[in-house]
PDB file of N, CA and C in Angstrom:
ATOM      1  N   MET A   1      -2.678  27.892  13.483  1.00  0.00           N
ATOM      2  CA  MET A   1      -1.909  26.663  13.376  1.00  0.00           C
ATOM      3  C   MET A   1      -0.496  26.984  12.891  1.00  0.00           C
ATOM      4  N   SER A   2       0.483  26.336  13.471  1.00  0.00           N
ATOM      5  CA  SER A   2       1.887  26.531  13.106  1.00  0.00           C
ATOM      6  C   SER A   2       2.137  26.039  11.684  1.00  0.00           C
ATOM      7  N   ALA A   3       3.106  26.655  11.023  1.00  0.00           N
ATOM      8  CA  ALA A   3       3.469  26.223   9.680  1.00  0.00           C
ATOM      9  C   ALA A   3       4.072  24.825   9.702  1.00  0.00           C
ATOM     10  N   PHE A   4       4.757  24.493  10.778  1.00  0.00           N
ATOM     11  CA  PHE A   4       5.393  23.187  10.895  1.00  0.00           C
ATOM     12  C   PHE A   4       4.502  22.229  11.679  1.00  0.00           C
ATOM     13  N   PRO A   5       4.613  20.922  11.398  1.00  0.00           N
ATOM     14  CA  PRO A   5       3.836  19.943  12.164  1.00  0.00           C
ATOM     15  C   PRO A   5       4.246  19.937  13.636  1.00  0.00           C
ATOM     16  N   SER A   6       3.307  19.557  14.475  1.00  0.00           N
ATOM     17  CA  SER A   6       3.567  19.467  15.915  1.00  0.00           C
ATOM     18  C   SER A   6       3.720  18.001  16.325  1.00  0.00           C
ATOM     19  N   ALA A   7       4.248  17.806  17.526  1.00  0.00           N
ATOM     20  CA  ALA A   7       4.356  16.452  18.082  1.00  0.00           C
ATOM     21  C   ALA A   7       2.974  15.819  18.203  1.00  0.00           C
ATOM     22  N   ASP A   8       1.969  16.610  18.554  1.00  0.00           N
ATOM     23  CA  ASP A   8       0.606  16.083  18.670  1.00  0.00           C
ATOM     24  C   ASP A   8       0.070  15.600  17.323  1.00  0.00           C
ATOM     25  N   GLN A   9       0.377  16.307  16.262  1.00  0.00           N
ATOM     26  CA  GLN A   9      -0.069  15.887  14.932  1.00  0.00           C
ATOM     27  C   GLN A   9       0.621  14.599  14.503  1.00  0.00           C
ATOM     28  N   ILE A  10       1.909  14.473  14.809  1.00  0.00           N
ATOM     29  CA  ILE A  10       2.646  13.242  14.502  1.00  0.00           C
ATOM     30  C   ILE A  10       2.067  12.091  15.316  1.00  0.00           C
ATOM     31  N   ASP A  11       1.824  12.328  16.581  1.00  0.00           N
ATOM     32  CA  ASP A  11       1.232  11.321  17.461  1.00  0.00           C
ATOM     33  C   ASP A  11      -0.094  10.828  16.885  1.00  0.00           C
ATOM     34  N   ALA A  12      -0.966  11.745  16.506  1.00  0.00           N
ATOM     35  CA  ALA A  12      -2.283  11.382  15.980  1.00  0.00           C
ATOM     36  C   ALA A  12      -2.162  10.568  14.686  1.00  0.00           C
ATOM     37  N   ALA A  13      -1.267  10.962  13.792  1.00  0.00           N
ATOM     38  CA  ALA A  13      -1.095  10.250  12.524  1.00  0.00           C
ATOM     39  C   ALA A  13      -0.590   8.831  12.757  1.00  0.00           C
ATOM     40  N   LEU A  14       0.377   8.677  13.672  1.00  0.00           N
ATOM     41  CA  LEU A  14       0.927   7.344  13.946  1.00  0.00           C
ATOM     42  C   LEU A  14      -0.092   6.456  14.658  1.00  0.00           C
ATOM     43  N   ARG A  15      -0.848   7.025  15.579  1.00  0.00           N
ATOM     44  CA  ARG A  15      -1.893   6.246  16.262  1.00  0.00           C
ATOM     45  C   ARG A  15      -2.940   5.756  15.269  1.00  0.00           C
ATOM     46  N   SER A  16      -3.330   6.605  14.361  1.00  0.00           N
ATOM     47  CA  SER A  16      -4.332   6.254  13.361  1.00  0.00           C
ATOM     48  C   SER A  16      -3.839   5.150  12.418  1.00  0.00           C
ATOM     49  N   ALA A  17      -2.601   5.269  11.971  1.00  0.00           N
ATOM     50  CA  ALA A  17      -2.072   4.346  10.966  1.00  0.00           C
ATOM     51  C   ALA A  17      -1.561   3.036  11.541  1.00  0.00           C
ATOM     52  N   LEU A  18      -0.970   3.064  12.744  1.00  0.00           N
ATOM     53  CA  LEU A  18      -0.248   1.892  13.242  1.00  0.00           C
ATOM     54  C   LEU A  18      -0.802   1.304  14.543  1.00  0.00           C
ATOM     55  N   SER A  19      -1.816   1.894  15.115  1.00  0.00           N
ATOM     56  CA  SER A  19      -2.433   1.398  16.359  1.00  0.00           C
ATOM     57  C   SER A  19      -1.388   0.930  17.367  1.00  0.00           C
ATOM     58  N   PRO A  20      -0.491   1.810  17.778  1.00  0.00           N
ATOM     59  CA  PRO A  20       0.606   1.371  18.645  1.00  0.00           C
ATOM     60  C   PRO A  20       0.151   1.011  20.052  1.00  0.00           C
ATOM     61  N   ALA A  21       0.866   0.048  20.633  1.00  0.00           N
ATOM     62  CA  ALA A  21       0.671  -0.295  22.043  1.00  0.00           C
ATOM     63  C   ALA A  21       1.346   0.753  22.914  1.00  0.00           C
ATOM     64  N   GLU A  22       2.430   1.320  22.409  1.00  0.00           N
ATOM     65  CA  GLU A  22       3.164   2.393  23.090  1.00  0.00           C
ATOM     66  C   GLU A  22       3.604   3.399  22.039  1.00  0.00           C
ATOM     67  N   LEU A  23       3.579   4.673  22.415  1.00  0.00           N
ATOM     68  CA  LEU A  23       4.022   5.717  21.501  1.00  0.00           C
ATOM     69  C   LEU A  23       4.465   6.934  22.292  1.00  0.00           C
ATOM     70  N   ALA A  24       5.644   7.437  21.972  1.00  0.00           N
ATOM     71  CA  ALA A  24       6.142   8.686  22.537  1.00  0.00           C
ATOM     72  C   ALA A  24       6.744   9.499  21.398  1.00  0.00           C
ATOM     73  N   VAL A  25       6.270  10.726  21.254  1.00  0.00           N
ATOM     74  CA  VAL A  25       6.789  11.634  20.242  1.00  0.00           C
ATOM     75  C   VAL A  25       7.348  12.845  20.969  1.00  0.00           C
ATOM     76  N   GLN A  26       8.595  13.165  20.678  1.00  0.00           N
ATOM     77  CA  GLN A  26       9.257  14.285  21.344  1.00  0.00           C
ATOM     78  C   GLN A  26       9.753  15.281  20.303  1.00  0.00           C
ATOM     79  N   ASP A  27       9.480  16.544  20.537  1.00  0.00           N
ATOM     80  CA  ASP A  27       9.989  17.607  19.674  1.00  0.00           C
ATOM     81  C   ASP A  27      11.381  17.988  20.177  1.00  0.00           C
ATOM     82  N   ASP A  28      12.386  17.692  19.384  1.00  0.00           N
ATOM     83  CA  ASP A  28      13.782  17.952  19.746  1.00  0.00           C
ATOM     84  C   ASP A  28      14.328  19.216  19.074  1.00  0.00           C
ATOM     85  N   SER A  29      13.463  20.020  18.511  1.00  0.00           N
ATOM     86  CA  SER A  29      13.900  21.176  17.726  1.00  0.00           C
ATOM     87  C   SER A  29      14.780  22.130  18.516  1.00  0.00           C
ATOM     88  N   HIS A  30      14.480  22.297  19.785  1.00  0.00           N
ATOM     89  CA  HIS A  30      15.267  23.220  20.611  1.00  0.00           C
ATOM     90  C   HIS A  30      16.737  22.803  20.709  1.00  0.00           C
ATOM     91  N   LEU A  31      17.013  21.514  20.502  1.00  0.00           N
ATOM     92  CA  LEU A  31      18.390  21.019  20.556  1.00  0.00           C
ATOM     93  C   LEU A  31      19.176  21.365  19.290  1.00  0.00           C
ATOM     94  N   HIS A  32      18.460  21.831  18.270  1.00  0.00           N
ATOM     95  CA  HIS A  32      19.085  22.096  16.976  1.00  0.00           C
ATOM     96  C   HIS A  32      19.005  23.567  16.584  1.00  0.00           C
ATOM     97  N   ALA A  33      18.734  24.426  17.536  1.00  0.00           N
ATOM     98  CA  ALA A  33      18.666  25.867  17.258  1.00  0.00           C
ATOM     99  C   ALA A  33      19.983  26.328  16.646  1.00  0.00           C
ATOM    100  N   GLY A  34      19.888  27.091  15.591  1.00  0.00           N
ATOM    101  CA  GLY A  34      21.082  27.574  14.907  1.00  0.00           C
ATOM    102  C   GLY A  34      21.554  26.657  13.791  1.00  0.00           C
ATOM    103  N   HIS A  35      21.103  25.428  13.780  1.00  0.00           N
ATOM    104  CA  HIS A  35      21.425  24.474  12.724  1.00  0.00           C
ATOM    105  C   HIS A  35      20.689  24.899  11.455  1.00  0.00           C
ATOM    106  N   ALA A  36      21.341  24.792  10.311  1.00  0.00           N
ATOM    107  CA  ALA A  36      20.727  25.243   9.060  1.00  0.00           C
ATOM    108  C   ALA A  36      19.378  24.583   8.821  1.00  0.00           C
ATOM    109  N   GLY A  37      19.230  23.320   9.165  1.00  0.00           N
ATOM    110  CA  GLY A  37      17.979  22.607   8.950  1.00  0.00           C
ATOM    111  C   GLY A  37      16.850  23.089   9.834  1.00  0.00           C
ATOM    112  N   ALA A  38      17.164  23.796  10.902  1.00  0.00           N
ATOM    113  CA  ALA A  38      16.129  24.282  11.815  1.00  0.00           C
ATOM    114  C   ALA A  38      15.188  25.252  11.110  1.00  0.00           C
ATOM    115  N   ARG A  39      15.674  25.938  10.106  1.00  0.00           N
ATOM    116  CA  ARG A  39      14.822  26.851   9.345  1.00  0.00           C
ATOM    117  C   ARG A  39      13.902  26.099   8.389  1.00  0.00           C
ATOM    118  N   GLU A  40      14.291  24.865   8.028  1.00  0.00           N
ATOM    119  CA  GLU A  40      13.540  24.072   7.058  1.00  0.00           C
ATOM    120  C   GLU A  40      12.447  23.238   7.703  1.00  0.00           C
ATOM    121  N   GLY A  41      12.513  23.053   9.009  1.00  0.00           N
ATOM    122  CA  GLY A  41      11.507  22.235   9.676  1.00  0.00           C
ATOM    123  C   GLY A  41      11.950  21.850  11.071  1.00  0.00           C
ATOM    124  N   ARG A  42      11.143  21.010  11.676  1.00  0.00           N
ATOM    125  CA  ARG A  42      11.360  20.631  13.065  1.00  0.00           C
ATOM    126  C   ARG A  42      12.020  19.249  13.150  1.00  0.00           C
ATOM    127  N   HIS A  43      12.617  18.986  14.309  1.00  0.00           N
ATOM    128  CA  HIS A  43      13.301  17.728  14.596  1.00  0.00           C
ATOM    129  C   HIS A  43      12.483  16.969  15.645  1.00  0.00           C
ATOM    130  N   PHE A  44      12.243  15.692  15.395  1.00  0.00           N
ATOM    131  CA  PHE A  44      11.450  14.876  16.310  1.00  0.00           C
ATOM    132  C   PHE A  44      12.120  13.540  16.575  1.00  0.00           C
ATOM    133  N   SER A  45      11.802  12.976  17.746  1.00  0.00           N
ATOM    134  CA  SER A  45      12.164  11.597  18.096  1.00  0.00           C
ATOM    135  C   SER A  45      10.863  10.842  18.322  1.00  0.00           C
ATOM    136  N   VAL A  46      10.805   9.623  17.792  1.00  0.00           N
ATOM    137  CA  VAL A  46       9.621   8.777  17.934  1.00  0.00           C
ATOM    138  C   VAL A  46      10.043   7.424  18.481  1.00  0.00           C
ATOM    139  N   ARG A  47       9.394   7.021  19.570  1.00  0.00           N
ATOM    140  CA  ARG A  47       9.533   5.653  20.084  1.00  0.00           C
ATOM    141  C   ARG A  47       8.160   5.016  19.954  1.00  0.00           C
ATOM    142  N   ILE A  48       8.083   3.910  19.213  1.00  0.00           N
ATOM    143  CA  ILE A  48       6.794   3.301  18.927  1.00  0.00           C
ATOM    144  C   ILE A  48       6.887   1.779  19.002  1.00  0.00           C
ATOM    145  N   VAL A  49       5.880   1.171  19.611  1.00  0.00           N
ATOM    146  CA  VAL A  49       5.749  -0.285  19.684  1.00  0.00           C
ATOM    147  C   VAL A  49       4.417  -0.629  19.038  1.00  0.00           C
ATOM    148  N   SER A  50       4.450  -1.461  18.009  1.00  0.00           N
ATOM    149  CA  SER A  50       3.231  -1.814  17.288  1.00  0.00           C
ATOM    150  C   SER A  50       3.295  -3.251  16.788  1.00  0.00           C
ATOM    151  N   GLU A  51       2.152  -3.914  16.817  1.00  0.00           N
ATOM    152  CA  GLU A  51       2.029  -5.264  16.244  1.00  0.00           C
ATOM    153  C   GLU A  51       2.376  -5.250  14.756  1.00  0.00           C
ATOM    154  N   ARG A  52       2.162  -4.111  14.111  1.00  0.00           N
ATOM    155  CA  ARG A  52       2.436  -4.005  12.667  1.00  0.00           C
ATOM    156  C   ARG A  52       3.902  -4.244  12.332  1.00  0.00           C
ATOM    157  N   PHE A  53       4.788  -4.152  13.329  1.00  0.00           N
ATOM    158  CA  PHE A  53       6.217  -4.324  13.090  1.00  0.00           C
ATOM    159  C   PHE A  53       6.676  -5.778  13.215  1.00  0.00           C
ATOM    160  N   ASN A  54       5.794  -6.673  13.646  1.00  0.00           N
ATOM    161  CA  ASN A  54       6.168  -8.082  13.794  1.00  0.00           C
ATOM    162  C   ASN A  54       6.709  -8.633  12.484  1.00  0.00           C
ATOM    163  N   GLY A  55       7.887  -9.233  12.546  1.00  0.00           N
ATOM    164  CA  GLY A  55       8.491  -9.876  11.385  1.00  0.00           C
ATOM    165  C   GLY A  55       9.100  -8.933  10.362  1.00  0.00           C
ATOM    166  N   LEU A  56       9.103  -7.638  10.636  1.00  0.00           N
ATOM    167  CA  LEU A  56       9.646  -6.683   9.676  1.00  0.00           C
ATOM    168  C   LEU A  56      11.069  -6.272  10.051  1.00  0.00           C
ATOM    169  N   SER A  57      11.855  -5.973   9.034  1.00  0.00           N
ATOM    170  CA  SER A  57      13.204  -5.461   9.248  1.00  0.00           C
ATOM    171  C   SER A  57      13.117  -4.031   9.769  1.00  0.00           C
ATOM    172  N   ARG A  58      14.237  -3.545  10.260  1.00  0.00           N
ATOM    173  CA  ARG A  58      14.301  -2.159  10.739  1.00  0.00           C
ATOM    174  C   ARG A  58      13.912  -1.191   9.626  1.00  0.00           C
ATOM    175  N   LEU A  59      14.419  -1.435   8.428  1.00  0.00           N
ATOM    176  CA  LEU A  59      14.110  -0.567   7.295  1.00  0.00           C
ATOM    177  C   LEU A  59      12.611  -0.583   6.982  1.00  0.00           C
ATOM    178  N   ALA A  60      11.996  -1.737   6.970  1.00  0.00           N
ATOM    179  CA  ALA A  60      10.562  -1.833   6.677  1.00  0.00           C
ATOM    180  C   ALA A  60       9.735  -1.129   7.754  1.00  0.00           C
ATOM    181  N   ARG A  61      10.168  -1.212   8.992  1.00  0.00           N
ATOM    182  CA  ARG A  61       9.474  -0.519  10.086  1.00  0.00           C
ATOM    183  C   ARG A  61       9.556   0.997   9.897  1.00  0.00           C
ATOM    184  N   HIS A  62      10.739   1.469   9.546  1.00  0.00           N
ATOM    185  CA  HIS A  62      10.921   2.908   9.327  1.00  0.00           C
ATOM    186  C   HIS A  62      10.077   3.379   8.143  1.00  0.00           C
ATOM    187  N   ARG A  63       9.996   2.557   7.113  1.00  0.00           N
ATOM    188  CA  ARG A  63       9.167   2.921   5.954  1.00  0.00           C
ATOM    189  C   ARG A  63       7.708   3.048   6.354  1.00  0.00           C
ATOM    190  N   LEU A  64       7.227   2.155   7.209  1.00  0.00           N
ATOM    191  CA  LEU A  64       5.844   2.261   7.685  1.00  0.00           C
ATOM    192  C   LEU A  64       5.619   3.577   8.433  1.00  0.00           C
ATOM    193  N   VAL A  65       6.578   3.946   9.257  1.00  0.00           N
ATOM    194  CA  VAL A  65       6.460   5.207   9.995  1.00  0.00           C
ATOM    195  C   VAL A  65       6.449   6.379   9.015  1.00  0.00           C
ATOM    196  N   TYR A  66       7.392   6.406   8.085  1.00  0.00           N
ATOM    197  CA  TYR A  66       7.438   7.491   7.110  1.00  0.00           C
ATOM    198  C   TYR A  66       6.167   7.529   6.265  1.00  0.00           C
ATOM    199  N   ASP A  67       5.668   6.366   5.845  1.00  0.00           N
ATOM    200  CA  ASP A  67       4.429   6.326   5.069  1.00  0.00           C
ATOM    201  C   ASP A  67       3.261   6.898   5.876  1.00  0.00           C
ATOM    202  N   SER A  68       3.248   6.625   7.173  1.00  0.00           N
ATOM    203  CA  SER A  68       2.187   7.120   8.051  1.00  0.00           C
ATOM    204  C   SER A  68       2.225   8.635   8.201  1.00  0.00           C
ATOM    205  N   LEU A  69       3.385   9.211   7.979  1.00  0.00           N
ATOM    206  CA  LEU A  69       3.569  10.659   8.139  1.00  0.00           C
ATOM    207  C   LEU A  69       3.676  11.386   6.797  1.00  0.00           C
ATOM    208  N   ALA A  70       3.281  10.718   5.725  1.00  0.00           N
ATOM    209  CA  ALA A  70       3.458  11.267   4.374  1.00  0.00           C
ATOM    210  C   ALA A  70       2.825  12.638   4.195  1.00  0.00           C
ATOM    211  N   GLN A  71       1.721  12.912   4.870  1.00  0.00           N
ATOM    212  CA  GLN A  71       1.058  14.213   4.739  1.00  0.00           C
ATOM    213  C   GLN A  71       1.767  15.303   5.543  1.00  0.00           C
ATOM    214  N   LEU A  72       2.481  14.909   6.591  1.00  0.00           N
ATOM    215  CA  LEU A  72       3.133  15.882   7.470  1.00  0.00           C
ATOM    216  C   LEU A  72       4.575  16.203   7.073  1.00  0.00           C
ATOM    217  N   ILE A  73       5.276  15.241   6.519  1.00  0.00           N
ATOM    218  CA  ILE A  73       6.701  15.430   6.206  1.00  0.00           C
ATOM    219  C   ILE A  73       6.933  16.650   5.319  1.00  0.00           C
ATOM    220  N   PRO A  74       6.185  16.837   4.238  1.00  0.00           N
ATOM    221  CA  PRO A  74       6.442  18.010   3.394  1.00  0.00           C
ATOM    222  C   PRO A  74       6.123  19.343   4.065  1.00  0.00           C
ATOM    223  N   ARG A  75       5.364  19.294   5.152  1.00  0.00           N
ATOM    224  CA  ARG A  75       5.005  20.521   5.866  1.00  0.00           C
ATOM    225  C   ARG A  75       6.112  20.998   6.794  1.00  0.00           C
ATOM    226  N   GLY A  76       7.172  20.190   6.954  1.00  0.00           N
ATOM    227  CA  GLY A  76       8.297  20.673   7.736  1.00  0.00           C
ATOM    228  C   GLY A  76       8.825  19.756   8.816  1.00  0.00           C
ATOM    229  N   ILE A  77       8.896  18.466   8.528  1.00  0.00           N
ATOM    230  CA  ILE A  77       9.635  17.566   9.414  1.00  0.00           C
ATOM    231  C   ILE A  77      11.022  17.444   8.789  1.00  0.00           C
ATOM    232  N   HIS A  78      11.993  18.093   9.403  1.00  0.00           N
ATOM    233  CA  HIS A  78      13.350  18.100   8.854  1.00  0.00           C
ATOM    234  C   HIS A  78      14.109  16.838   9.245  1.00  0.00           C
ATOM    235  N   ALA A  79      13.908  16.376  10.487  1.00  0.00           N
ATOM    236  CA  ALA A  79      14.627  15.191  10.971  1.00  0.00           C
ATOM    237  C   ALA A  79      13.696  14.371  11.853  1.00  0.00           C
ATOM    238  N   LEU A  80      13.836  13.051  11.745  1.00  0.00           N
ATOM    239  CA  LEU A  80      12.997  12.139  12.506  1.00  0.00           C
ATOM    240  C   LEU A  80      13.843  10.960  12.969  1.00  0.00           C
ATOM    241  N   ALA A  81      14.081  10.892  14.280  1.00  0.00           N
ATOM    242  CA  ALA A  81      14.793   9.747  14.862  1.00  0.00           C
ATOM    243  C   ALA A  81      13.721   8.739  15.268  1.00  0.00           C
ATOM    244  N   ILE A  82      13.861   7.497  14.790  1.00  0.00           N
ATOM    245  CA  ILE A  82      12.827   6.489  14.999  1.00  0.00           C
ATOM    246  C   ILE A  82      13.377   5.288  15.753  1.00  0.00           C
ATOM    247  N   GLU A  83      12.673   4.900  16.811  1.00  0.00           N
ATOM    248  CA  GLU A  83      12.897   3.623  17.478  1.00  0.00           C
ATOM    249  C   GLU A  83      11.582   2.861  17.341  1.00  0.00           C
ATOM    250  N   ALA A  84      11.556   1.851  16.485  1.00  0.00           N
ATOM    251  CA  ALA A  84      10.336   1.104  16.196  1.00  0.00           C
ATOM    252  C   ALA A  84      10.526  -0.358  16.571  1.00  0.00           C
ATOM    253  N   ARG A  85       9.678  -0.827  17.486  1.00  0.00           N
ATOM    254  CA  ARG A  85       9.783  -2.212  17.951  1.00  0.00           C
ATOM    255  C   ARG A  85       8.429  -2.903  17.895  1.00  0.00           C
ATOM    256  N   ALA A  86       8.478  -4.212  17.800  1.00  0.00           N
ATOM    257  CA  ALA A  86       7.278  -5.034  17.941  1.00  0.00           C
ATOM    258  C   ALA A  86       7.096  -5.335  19.434  1.00  0.00           C
ATOM    259  N   PRO A  87       5.882  -5.626  19.876  1.00  0.00           N
ATOM    260  CA  PRO A  87       5.669  -5.961  21.283  1.00  0.00           C
ATOM    261  C   PRO A  87       6.580  -7.110  21.735  1.00  0.00           C
ATOM    262  N   GLY A  88       7.127  -6.972  22.918  1.00  0.00           N
ATOM    263  CA  GLY A  88       8.010  -8.006  23.465  1.00  0.00           C
ATOM    264  C   GLY A  88       9.467  -7.856  23.115  1.00  0.00           C
ATOM    265  N   GLU A  89       9.794  -6.968  22.194  1.00  0.00           N
ATOM    266  CA  GLU A  89      11.192  -6.726  21.845  1.00  0.00           C
ATOM    267  C   GLU A  89      11.789  -5.702  22.802  1.00  0.00           C
ATOM    268  N   ASN A  90      13.073  -5.860  23.069  1.00  0.00           N
ATOM    269  CA  ASN A  90      13.776  -4.890  23.928  1.00  0.00           C
ATOM    270  C   ASN A  90      14.547  -3.898  23.113  1.00  0.00           C
TER     271      ASN A  90
END
């Protein structure tokens, strides 16, 4: 197993915690090669649609995502770009 979390591990954690209708996790680490943070962990993008986001602010949605990944973040998620929407939002 890699020292850093994988996109599949992030996907599994988010599916378990937030039961998303849609979820895409992309490892963007290759775009940051040579960046100082690349040694500290991996870079990911997450697009997620979940009923859990209904009525929540952008900040509250991001907190839910971060809370869902609490076990993985210390293992080496250096950067996480999040697009979190409720069903029906564009």
